[in-house]
Amino acid sequence: MGSFSLWHWLIVLIVIAVPLIFIFRKPPTGPNRFGGPAEPMGFGQAIGSYFKNYVNFRDRASRSEFWFSTLFVAIISIALYLVDSTEIFKTIWSLATFLPSIAMAARRFHDINRSGWHQLLGMLFPIGSIAVLVWYCKAPTADQSRASVF
């Protein structure tokens, strides 16, 4: 085994240091800049909202809305994996839920006053993925739950 070259250190820097810059940067203080507070939802309401806001990248999504819709997509995906041997329906389901899943994640980040672009950190495994998962679970703070009024 040789020593680490400059390229190895560059890769380590990108995978570890870059996510840390975004993770430790605080969201803006004060009222949430992405609109009024998101309402908690039941399972049926969350699924309806998931498809109703198909490509809505603006507003906010509560934790219950995000996790119920994620559970629904996962259950259907597992069922299609078990039933569909030709993979046609799995491909159609994946394409049908691609944009709404990205939009839902962006709205979830908006609920904690972070930009939806932060979900790209999930691609920088392991640190970025852990941070994104923690942010998905995080509740908005009291000052972030109030809408900004101008």
Protein backbone atom coordinates (compact mmCIF):
# COMPACT_ATOMS: atom_id res chain seq x y z
CA MET A 1 0.00 0.00 0.00
CA GLY A 2 1.31 3.38 -0.93
CA SER A 3 0.79 6.66 0.78
CA PHE A 4 -2.08 9.03 0.14
CA SER A 5 -1.57 11.13 -2.96
CA LEU A 6 -2.88 14.61 -3.55
CA TRP A 7 -5.95 13.16 -5.33
CA HIS A 8 -6.81 10.98 -2.34
CA TRP A 9 -6.68 13.97 -0.01
CA LEU A 10 -8.80 15.99 -2.42
CA ILE A 11 -11.47 13.29 -2.42
CA VAL A 12 -11.41 13.11 1.38
CA LEU A 13 -11.71 16.89 1.54
CA ILE A 14 -14.72 16.90 -0.79
CA VAL A 15 -16.53 14.02 0.93
CA ILE A 16 -15.95 15.20 4.50
CA ALA A 17 -15.18 18.93 4.59
CA VAL A 18 -17.68 20.26 2.06
CA PRO A 19 -20.75 18.78 3.79
CA LEU A 20 -19.50 20.07 7.13
CA ILE A 21 -19.50 23.64 5.79
CA PHE A 22 -23.21 23.39 4.97
CA ILE A 23 -24.09 21.40 8.07
CA PHE A 24 -22.61 23.84 10.57
CA ARG A 25 -23.92 26.95 8.83
CA LYS A 26 -26.98 28.10 10.76
CA PRO A 27 -30.26 28.77 8.97
CA PRO A 28 -31.34 32.41 8.93
CA THR A 29 -32.74 33.62 12.23
CA GLY A 30 -36.17 35.11 12.58
CA PRO A 31 -39.41 34.08 10.95
CA ASN A 32 -39.39 31.40 8.30
CA ARG A 33 -38.89 32.85 4.84
CA PHE A 34 -40.83 30.06 3.12
CA GLY A 35 -44.34 30.90 4.28
CA GLY A 36 -46.71 29.95 7.05
CA PRO A 37 -46.37 26.90 9.25
CA ALA A 38 -47.12 23.49 7.81
CA GLU A 39 -50.07 21.65 9.32
CA PRO A 40 -49.65 18.11 10.69
CA MET A 41 -51.48 15.55 8.56
CA GLY A 42 -52.86 12.05 8.77
CA PHE A 43 -51.86 9.25 6.41
CA GLY A 44 -54.59 9.88 3.82
CA GLN A 45 -54.15 13.65 3.88
CA ALA A 46 -50.38 13.28 3.42
CA ILE A 47 -50.80 11.05 0.37
CA GLY A 48 -53.34 13.46 -1.11
CA SER A 49 -51.00 16.38 -0.49
CA TYR A 50 -48.08 14.41 -1.97
CA PHE A 51 -49.84 14.06 -5.32
CA LYS A 52 -51.64 17.41 -5.16
CA ASN A 53 -48.35 19.28 -4.74
CA TYR A 54 -46.71 17.21 -7.47
CA VAL A 55 -44.07 19.80 -8.41
CA ASN A 56 -44.61 22.43 -5.71
CA PHE A 57 -41.11 23.42 -4.62
CA ARG A 58 -42.25 26.50 -2.71
CA ASP A 59 -44.27 26.02 0.47
CA ARG A 60 -43.54 23.93 3.55
CA ALA A 61 -44.21 20.28 4.50
CA SER A 62 -44.63 19.05 8.06
CA ARG A 63 -42.79 16.03 9.38
CA SER A 64 -45.97 13.94 9.36
CA GLU A 65 -46.69 14.86 5.74
CA PHE A 66 -43.14 13.96 4.71
CA TRP A 67 -42.87 10.68 6.59
CA PHE A 68 -46.37 9.40 5.76
CA SER A 69 -45.84 10.04 2.05
CA THR A 70 -42.39 8.42 2.24
CA LEU A 71 -43.94 5.39 3.93
CA PHE A 72 -46.61 5.18 1.22
CA VAL A 73 -44.04 5.33 -1.59
CA ALA A 74 -41.88 2.69 0.14
CA ILE A 75 -44.83 0.31 0.71
CA ILE A 76 -45.95 0.55 -2.92
CA SER A 77 -42.35 0.10 -4.12
CA ILE A 78 -41.90 -3.03 -2.00
CA ALA A 79 -45.24 -4.43 -3.18
CA LEU A 80 -44.30 -3.83 -6.81
CA TYR A 81 -40.91 -5.45 -6.21
CA LEU A 82 -42.61 -8.57 -4.88
CA VAL A 83 -45.35 -8.74 -7.53
CA ASP A 84 -43.91 -7.34 -10.77
CA SER A 85 -41.34 -9.62 -12.39
CA THR A 86 -41.13 -7.64 -15.64
CA GLU A 87 -40.21 -4.39 -13.86
CA ILE A 88 -42.52 -2.35 -16.08
CA PHE A 89 -44.75 -1.18 -13.24
CA LYS A 90 -41.75 -0.56 -10.97
CA THR A 91 -40.24 1.69 -13.62
CA ILE A 92 -43.50 3.56 -14.14
CA TRP A 93 -43.92 3.99 -10.35
CA SER A 94 -40.35 5.25 -10.00
CA LEU A 95 -40.82 7.79 -12.76
CA ALA A 96 -44.21 8.87 -11.38
CA THR A 97 -42.82 9.49 -7.88
CA PHE A 98 -39.44 11.00 -8.79
CA LEU A 99 -40.45 14.67 -9.00
CA PRO A 100 -42.96 14.63 -6.13
CA SER A 101 -40.36 13.06 -3.85
CA ILE A 102 -37.83 15.76 -4.65
CA ALA A 103 -40.50 18.45 -4.20
CA MET A 104 -41.61 16.93 -0.88
CA ALA A 105 -38.01 16.88 0.39
CA ALA A 106 -37.52 20.51 -0.67
CA ARG A 107 -40.70 21.53 1.18
CA ARG A 108 -39.52 19.56 4.22
CA PHE A 109 -36.27 21.53 4.24
CA HIS A 110 -38.26 24.75 3.91
CA ASP A 111 -40.06 23.82 7.13
CA ILE A 112 -36.76 24.09 9.04
CA ASN A 113 -35.83 27.30 7.15
CA ARG A 114 -33.21 25.71 4.90
CA SER A 115 -33.01 25.74 1.14
CA GLY A 116 -34.29 22.72 -0.75
CA TRP A 117 -30.90 22.50 -2.45
CA HIS A 118 -29.50 21.09 0.79
CA GLN A 119 -30.90 17.70 -0.16
CA LEU A 120 -27.99 17.38 -2.59
CA LEU A 121 -25.77 16.86 0.46
CA GLY A 122 -27.31 13.40 0.71
CA MET A 123 -25.13 12.34 -2.20
CA LEU A 124 -21.97 12.94 -0.16
CA PHE A 125 -21.98 9.74 1.88
CA PRO A 126 -21.71 9.27 4.89
CA ILE A 127 -21.66 12.71 6.49
CA GLY A 128 -24.06 14.42 4.08
CA SER A 129 -26.54 11.53 4.20
CA ILE A 130 -26.63 11.57 7.99
CA ALA A 131 -27.15 15.34 8.06
CA VAL A 132 -30.00 15.17 5.56
CA LEU A 133 -31.70 12.41 7.57
CA VAL A 134 -31.37 14.44 10.77
CA TRP A 135 -32.84 17.51 9.06
CA TYR A 136 -35.78 15.44 7.78
CA CYS A 137 -36.54 14.52 11.41
CA LYS A 138 -35.99 17.98 12.88
CA ALA A 139 -38.96 20.02 14.05
CA PRO A 140 -39.08 23.73 13.21
CA THR A 141 -38.19 26.03 16.08
CA ALA A 142 -40.73 28.45 17.53
CA ASP A 143 -39.39 31.48 15.64
CA GLN A 144 -39.31 29.49 12.38
CA SER A 145 -42.91 28.37 12.66
CA ARG A 146 -44.24 31.90 12.33
CA ALA A 147 -44.67 33.27 8.83
CA SER A 148 -42.90 36.44 7.89
CA VAL A 149 -45.29 39.32 7.34
CA PHE A 150 -44.16 42.33 5.36
